[in-house]
Amino acid sequence: CGACITICPADAFELEPKTRRVTFHNDRCLACGLCLKACPPRAMEVHF
């Protein structure tokens, strides 16, 4: 849905326009958890 892309303050998520796949860049992540709160249940799993 792209909620994680919109809410992430570190731009850790990137949408590939052609495939509509989301890539997560761990090196940019601040571990703030905003993406998990914005994400529909069970659509994403993150282990800090």
PDB file of N, CA and C in Angstrom:
ATOM      1  N   CYS A   1       0.818  -1.204   0.000  1.00  0.00           N
ATOM      2  CA  CYS A   1       0.000   0.000   0.000  1.00  0.00           C
ATOM      3  C   CYS A   1       0.860   1.265   0.000  1.00  0.00           C
ATOM      4  N   GLY A   2       2.112   1.148   0.447  1.00  0.00           N
ATOM      5  CA  GLY A   2       3.018   2.287   0.436  1.00  0.00           C
ATOM      6  C   GLY A   2       3.016   3.140   1.686  1.00  0.00           C
ATOM      7  N   ALA A   3       2.266   2.745   2.709  1.00  0.00           N
ATOM      8  CA  ALA A   3       2.224   3.540   3.943  1.00  0.00           C
ATOM      9  C   ALA A   3       3.607   3.664   4.573  1.00  0.00           C
ATOM     10  N   CYS A   4       4.384   2.604   4.525  1.00  0.00           N
ATOM     11  CA  CYS A   4       5.727   2.629   5.115  1.00  0.00           C
ATOM     12  C   CYS A   4       6.629   3.631   4.395  1.00  0.00           C
ATOM     13  N   ILE A   5       6.478   3.719   3.089  1.00  0.00           N
ATOM     14  CA  ILE A   5       7.285   4.647   2.296  1.00  0.00           C
ATOM     15  C   ILE A   5       6.967   6.086   2.684  1.00  0.00           C
ATOM     16  N   THR A   6       5.701   6.368   2.840  1.00  0.00           N
ATOM     17  CA  THR A   6       5.249   7.719   3.156  1.00  0.00           C
ATOM     18  C   THR A   6       5.662   8.165   4.545  1.00  0.00           C
ATOM     19  N   ILE A   7       5.595   7.262   5.522  1.00  0.00           N
ATOM     20  CA  ILE A   7       5.797   7.655   6.914  1.00  0.00           C
ATOM     21  C   ILE A   7       7.257   7.601   7.377  1.00  0.00           C
ATOM     22  N   CYS A   8       8.102   6.888   6.680  1.00  0.00           N
ATOM     23  CA  CYS A   8       9.486   6.686   7.134  1.00  0.00           C
ATOM     24  C   CYS A   8      10.294   7.986   7.087  1.00  0.00           C
ATOM     25  N   PRO A   9      10.800   8.455   8.247  1.00  0.00           N
ATOM     26  CA  PRO A   9      11.580   9.692   8.273  1.00  0.00           C
ATOM     27  C   PRO A   9      12.994   9.524   7.719  1.00  0.00           C
ATOM     28  N   ALA A  10      13.433   8.283   7.545  1.00  0.00           N
ATOM     29  CA  ALA A  10      14.796   8.024   7.084  1.00  0.00           C
ATOM     30  C   ALA A  10      14.857   7.584   5.623  1.00  0.00           C
ATOM     31  N   ASP A  11      13.719   7.566   4.944  1.00  0.00           N
ATOM     32  CA  ASP A  11      13.662   7.091   3.553  1.00  0.00           C
ATOM     33  C   ASP A  11      14.280   5.700   3.399  1.00  0.00           C
ATOM     34  N   ALA A  12      13.965   4.819   4.354  1.00  0.00           N
ATOM     35  CA  ALA A  12      14.508   3.466   4.332  1.00  0.00           C
ATOM     36  C   ALA A  12      13.771   2.551   3.356  1.00  0.00           C
ATOM     37  N   PHE A  13      12.645   2.998   2.846  1.00  0.00           N
ATOM     38  CA  PHE A  13      11.865   2.207   1.896  1.00  0.00           C
ATOM     39  C   PHE A  13      11.878   2.879   0.536  1.00  0.00           C
ATOM     40  N   GLU A  14      11.972   2.052  -0.496  1.00  0.00           N
ATOM     41  CA  GLU A  14      12.009   2.577  -1.860  1.00  0.00           C
ATOM     42  C   GLU A  14      11.073   1.746  -2.736  1.00  0.00           C
ATOM     43  N   LEU A  15      10.258   2.401  -3.518  1.00  0.00           N
ATOM     44  CA  LEU A  15       9.329   1.718  -4.411  1.00  0.00           C
ATOM     45  C   LEU A  15       9.918   1.634  -5.808  1.00  0.00           C
ATOM     46  N   GLU A  16      10.006   0.420  -6.338  1.00  0.00           N
ATOM     47  CA  GLU A  16      10.460   0.211  -7.707  1.00  0.00           C
ATOM     48  C   GLU A  16       9.256   0.433  -8.623  1.00  0.00           C
ATOM     49  N   PRO A  17       9.277   1.501  -9.421  1.00  0.00           N
ATOM     50  CA  PRO A  17       8.107   1.864 -10.224  1.00  0.00           C
ATOM     51  C   PRO A  17       7.620   0.776 -11.187  1.00  0.00           C
ATOM     52  N   LYS A  18       8.530   0.072 -11.818  1.00  0.00           N
ATOM     53  CA  LYS A  18       8.128  -0.928 -12.817  1.00  0.00           C
ATOM     54  C   LYS A  18       7.458  -2.143 -12.185  1.00  0.00           C
ATOM     55  N   THR A  19       8.021  -2.634 -11.086  1.00  0.00           N
ATOM     56  CA  THR A  19       7.506  -3.855 -10.462  1.00  0.00           C
ATOM     57  C   THR A  19       6.559  -3.576  -9.306  1.00  0.00           C
ATOM     58  N   ARG A  20       6.541  -2.335  -8.814  1.00  0.00           N
ATOM     59  CA  ARG A  20       5.743  -1.939  -7.643  1.00  0.00           C
ATOM     60  C   ARG A  20       6.176  -2.690  -6.380  1.00  0.00           C
ATOM     61  N   ARG A  21       7.436  -3.150  -6.338  1.00  0.00           N
ATOM     62  CA  ARG A  21       7.975  -3.830  -5.170  1.00  0.00           C
ATOM     63  C   ARG A  21       8.676  -2.816  -4.283  1.00  0.00           C
ATOM     64  N   VAL A  22       8.567  -3.047  -2.984  1.00  0.00           N
ATOM     65  CA  VAL A  22       9.191  -2.162  -2.010  1.00  0.00           C
ATOM     66  C   VAL A  22      10.502  -2.786  -1.551  1.00  0.00           C
ATOM     67  N   THR A  23      11.564  -1.989  -1.576  1.00  0.00           N
ATOM     68  CA  THR A  23      12.867  -2.413  -1.082  1.00  0.00           C
ATOM     69  C   THR A  23      13.139  -1.697   0.225  1.00  0.00           C
ATOM     70  N   PHE A  24      13.644  -2.444   1.204  1.00  0.00           N
ATOM     71  CA  PHE A  24      13.984  -1.885   2.507  1.00  0.00           C
ATOM     72  C   PHE A  24      15.495  -1.752   2.602  1.00  0.00           C
ATOM     73  N   HIS A  25      15.963  -0.559   2.988  1.00  0.00           N
ATOM     74  CA  HIS A  25      17.391  -0.289   3.145  1.00  0.00           C
ATOM     75  C   HIS A  25      17.710  -0.235   4.641  1.00  0.00           C
ATOM     76  N   ASN A  26      18.189  -1.353   5.157  1.00  0.00           N
ATOM     77  CA  ASN A  26      18.462  -1.491   6.584  1.00  0.00           C
ATOM     78  C   ASN A  26      19.452  -0.445   7.096  1.00  0.00           C
ATOM     79  N   ASP A  27      20.406  -0.066   6.276  1.00  0.00           N
ATOM     80  CA  ASP A  27      21.428   0.892   6.698  1.00  0.00           C
ATOM     81  C   ASP A  27      20.869   2.295   6.937  1.00  0.00           C
ATOM     82  N   ARG A  28      19.686   2.571   6.438  1.00  0.00           N
ATOM     83  CA  ARG A  28      19.052   3.880   6.642  1.00  0.00           C
ATOM     84  C   ARG A  28      18.079   3.885   7.820  1.00  0.00           C
ATOM     85  N   CYS A  29      17.676   2.713   8.264  1.00  0.00           N
ATOM     86  CA  CYS A  29      16.623   2.571   9.277  1.00  0.00           C
ATOM     87  C   CYS A  29      17.046   3.151  10.626  1.00  0.00           C
ATOM     88  N   LEU A  30      16.125   3.902  11.250  1.00  0.00           N
ATOM     89  CA  LEU A  30      16.350   4.489  12.571  1.00  0.00           C
ATOM     90  C   LEU A  30      15.732   3.645  13.683  1.00  0.00           C
ATOM     91  N   ALA A  31      15.066   2.560  13.331  1.00  0.00           N
ATOM     92  CA  ALA A  31      14.381   1.668  14.277  1.00  0.00           C
ATOM     93  C   ALA A  31      13.338   2.418  15.107  1.00  0.00           C
ATOM     94  N   CYS A  32      12.651   3.362  14.483  1.00  0.00           N
ATOM     95  CA  CYS A  32      11.642   4.156  15.193  1.00  0.00           C
ATOM     96  C   CYS A  32      10.301   3.433  15.302  1.00  0.00           C
ATOM     97  N   GLY A  33      10.041   2.477  14.401  1.00  0.00           N
ATOM     98  CA  GLY A  33       8.812   1.703  14.451  1.00  0.00           C
ATOM     99  C   GLY A  33       7.603   2.338  13.789  1.00  0.00           C
ATOM    100  N   LEU A  34       7.759   3.515  13.206  1.00  0.00           N
ATOM    101  CA  LEU A  34       6.623   4.175  12.555  1.00  0.00           C
ATOM    102  C   LEU A  34       6.062   3.346  11.399  1.00  0.00           C
ATOM    103  N   CYS A  35       6.925   2.663  10.684  1.00  0.00           N
ATOM    104  CA  CYS A  35       6.466   1.849   9.558  1.00  0.00           C
ATOM    105  C   CYS A  35       5.575   0.706  10.034  1.00  0.00           C
ATOM    106  N   LEU A  36       5.925   0.115  11.154  1.00  0.00           N
ATOM    107  CA  LEU A  36       5.122  -0.987  11.689  1.00  0.00           C
ATOM    108  C   LEU A  36       3.747  -0.513  12.135  1.00  0.00           C
ATOM    109  N   LYS A  37       3.689   0.675  12.685  1.00  0.00           N
ATOM    110  CA  LYS A  37       2.405   1.230  13.125  1.00  0.00           C
ATOM    111  C   LYS A  37       1.519   1.590  11.931  1.00  0.00           C
ATOM    112  N   ALA A  38       2.132   2.009  10.834  1.00  0.00           N
ATOM    113  CA  ALA A  38       1.375   2.414   9.648  1.00  0.00           C
ATOM    114  C   ALA A  38       0.971   1.224   8.783  1.00  0.00           C
ATOM    115  N   CYS A  39       1.650   0.118   8.960  1.00  0.00           N
ATOM    116  CA  CYS A  39       1.468  -1.053   8.108  1.00  0.00           C
ATOM    117  C   CYS A  39       0.252  -1.883   8.524  1.00  0.00           C
ATOM    118  N   PRO A  40      -0.509  -2.387   7.539  1.00  0.00           N
ATOM    119  CA  PRO A  40      -1.617  -3.288   7.867  1.00  0.00           C
ATOM    120  C   PRO A  40      -1.103  -4.523   8.613  1.00  0.00           C
ATOM    121  N   PRO A  41      -1.915  -5.108   9.468  1.00  0.00           N
ATOM    122  CA  PRO A  41      -1.488  -6.276  10.251  1.00  0.00           C
ATOM    123  C   PRO A  41      -0.900  -7.390   9.387  1.00  0.00           C
ATOM    124  N   ARG A  42       0.242  -7.893   9.825  1.00  0.00           N
ATOM    125  CA  ARG A  42       0.953  -9.024   9.214  1.00  0.00           C
ATOM    126  C   ARG A  42       1.458  -8.772   7.794  1.00  0.00           C
ATOM    127  N   ALA A  43       1.463  -7.541   7.344  1.00  0.00           N
ATOM    128  CA  ALA A  43       1.990  -7.247   6.007  1.00  0.00           C
ATOM    129  C   ALA A  43       3.506  -7.098   6.040  1.00  0.00           C
ATOM    130  N   MET A  44       4.048  -6.807   7.222  1.00  0.00           N
ATOM    131  CA  MET A  44       5.486  -6.611   7.367  1.00  0.00           C
ATOM    132  C   MET A  44       5.912  -7.155   8.721  1.00  0.00           C
ATOM    133  N   GLU A  45       7.112  -7.708   8.759  1.00  0.00           N
ATOM    134  CA  GLU A  45       7.669  -8.187  10.017  1.00  0.00           C
ATOM    135  C   GLU A  45       9.087  -7.662  10.118  1.00  0.00           C
ATOM    136  N   VAL A  46       9.420  -7.047  11.245  1.00  0.00           N
ATOM    137  CA  VAL A  46      10.749  -6.478  11.445  1.00  0.00           C
ATOM    138  C   VAL A  46      11.311  -7.000  12.755  1.00  0.00           C
ATOM    139  N   HIS A  47      12.580  -7.383  12.730  1.00  0.00           N
ATOM    140  CA  HIS A  47      13.281  -7.836  13.933  1.00  0.00           C
ATOM    141  C   HIS A  47      14.429  -6.870  14.195  1.00  0.00           C
ATOM    142  N   PHE A  48      14.375  -6.178  15.333  1.00  0.00           N
ATOM    143  CA  PHE A  48      15.434  -5.221  15.682  1.00  0.00           C
ATOM    144  C   PHE A  48      16.499  -5.916  16.495  1.00  0.00           C
TER     145      PHE A  48
END
